[in-house]
Amino acid sequence: MPYLFTTLLYPSDKATEVPKRYLEAITKYPHDDSLGTQIVPAAVTTTLQGIKAISITEIKEGKLEDAIRRTAKMMAMFYSIQGFEYTMERYATLEEAMKTIDM
């Protein structure tokens, strides 16, 4: 079961706008247990580029595409916020990675 890492970065001057939108987004797209388990629902820090937030979800077997689609729809709610950027990255579990080298 892969991990889906979602990373958000936005300017510090949007520190009140983004959390408000986040509350709207999680209301519209609440966590769906059928897609995976939240390992880190949200963690936030500051950087010299602004505010960075991450979430990590362990995706259930066969649900990666659905989880990516749901996350993309949720992130689309932030597009109107100037300076908002995000990435989604799929990480293999150690077991999955070991299988790729026949271990």
Protein backbone atom coordinates (compact mmCIF):
# COMPACT_ATOMS: atom_id res chain seq x y z
CA MET A 1 0.00 0.00 0.00
CA PRO A 2 1.71 3.21 -1.16
CA TYR A 3 1.86 6.51 0.65
CA LEU A 4 0.53 9.71 -0.85
CA PHE A 5 2.45 12.77 0.34
CA THR A 6 0.72 16.09 -0.34
CA THR A 7 2.78 19.23 0.21
CA LEU A 8 1.33 22.75 0.16
CA LEU A 9 3.29 25.99 0.06
CA TYR A 10 1.77 29.44 0.30
CA PRO A 11 2.88 32.99 1.15
CA SER A 12 2.84 34.09 4.77
CA ASP A 13 0.42 36.89 3.95
CA LYS A 14 -2.16 34.20 3.13
CA ALA A 15 -1.89 32.70 6.64
CA THR A 16 -5.54 33.37 7.42
CA GLU A 17 -7.03 32.83 3.95
CA VAL A 18 -5.62 29.34 3.38
CA PRO A 19 -6.80 27.84 6.71
CA LYS A 20 -10.30 29.20 6.07
CA ARG A 21 -10.30 27.56 2.64
CA TYR A 22 -8.92 24.37 4.20
CA LEU A 23 -11.93 24.18 6.52
CA GLU A 24 -14.20 24.54 3.49
CA ALA A 25 -12.23 21.89 1.60
CA ILE A 26 -12.34 19.27 4.36
CA THR A 27 -16.06 19.90 4.75
CA LYS A 28 -16.62 19.32 1.03
CA TYR A 29 -14.07 16.48 0.80
CA PRO A 30 -13.88 14.82 4.23
CA HIS A 31 -11.38 12.02 4.72
CA ASP A 32 -12.58 8.84 3.06
CA ASP A 33 -11.54 5.74 5.03
CA SER A 34 -12.26 3.56 2.00
CA LEU A 35 -9.30 5.18 0.20
CA GLY A 36 -6.71 4.98 2.95
CA THR A 37 -5.50 5.78 6.42
CA GLN A 38 -4.29 9.23 7.40
CA ILE A 39 -0.80 8.88 8.84
CA VAL A 40 -0.28 12.65 9.16
CA PRO A 41 -3.57 14.49 8.58
CA ALA A 42 -1.79 17.86 8.54
CA ALA A 43 1.53 19.22 9.78
CA VAL A 44 2.57 22.84 9.31
CA THR A 45 5.85 24.75 9.47
CA THR A 46 7.27 28.04 8.27
CA THR A 47 9.97 28.46 5.66
CA LEU A 48 11.70 31.38 4.02
CA GLN A 49 9.31 30.87 1.09
CA GLY A 50 6.18 31.00 3.24
CA ILE A 51 4.10 28.42 5.06
CA LYS A 52 4.47 24.74 4.25
CA ALA A 53 1.97 22.05 5.16
CA ILE A 54 2.10 18.33 4.55
CA SER A 55 -0.23 15.39 4.80
CA ILE A 56 0.57 11.70 4.45
CA THR A 57 -1.99 9.02 3.68
CA GLU A 58 -1.38 5.30 3.42
CA ILE A 59 -3.44 4.32 0.39
CA LYS A 60 -5.43 1.09 0.31
CA GLU A 61 -4.78 -1.49 -2.38
CA GLY A 62 -6.25 -0.43 -5.72
CA LYS A 63 -7.31 3.02 -4.49
CA LEU A 64 -4.35 5.18 -5.57
CA GLU A 65 -6.03 6.74 -8.61
CA ASP A 66 -9.19 7.51 -6.62
CA ALA A 67 -7.13 9.07 -3.82
CA ILE A 68 -5.17 11.21 -6.28
CA ARG A 69 -8.39 12.35 -7.98
CA ARG A 70 -9.99 13.26 -4.62
CA THR A 71 -6.91 15.18 -3.48
CA ALA A 72 -6.66 17.04 -6.80
CA LYS A 73 -10.30 18.13 -6.51
CA MET A 74 -9.66 19.32 -2.96
CA MET A 75 -6.52 21.23 -4.00
CA ALA A 76 -8.41 22.88 -6.86
CA MET A 77 -10.36 24.79 -4.21
CA PHE A 78 -7.14 26.72 -3.43
CA TYR A 79 -6.27 27.75 -7.00
CA SER A 80 -7.68 31.26 -6.61
CA ILE A 81 -5.27 32.01 -3.75
CA GLN A 82 -2.31 33.85 -5.24
CA GLY A 83 0.99 32.12 -4.53
CA PHE A 84 -0.57 28.79 -3.49
CA GLU A 85 1.27 25.74 -4.84
CA TYR A 86 1.08 22.03 -4.07
CA THR A 87 2.56 18.70 -5.05
CA MET A 88 1.41 15.11 -4.67
CA GLU A 89 4.01 12.38 -4.52
CA ARG A 90 3.57 8.62 -4.38
CA TYR A 91 6.05 6.81 -2.15
CA ALA A 92 6.44 3.04 -2.07
CA THR A 93 6.45 1.27 1.26
CA LEU A 94 9.70 -0.46 2.15
CA GLU A 95 8.12 -3.82 1.30
CA GLU A 96 7.05 -2.56 -2.15
CA ALA A 97 10.48 -1.10 -2.82
CA MET A 98 12.22 -4.34 -1.78
CA LYS A 99 10.01 -6.33 -4.16
CA THR A 100 11.30 -4.24 -7.08
CA ILE A 101 14.75 -5.69 -6.43
CA ASP A 102 13.41 -9.19 -5.78
CA MET A 103 13.96 -9.09 -2.03
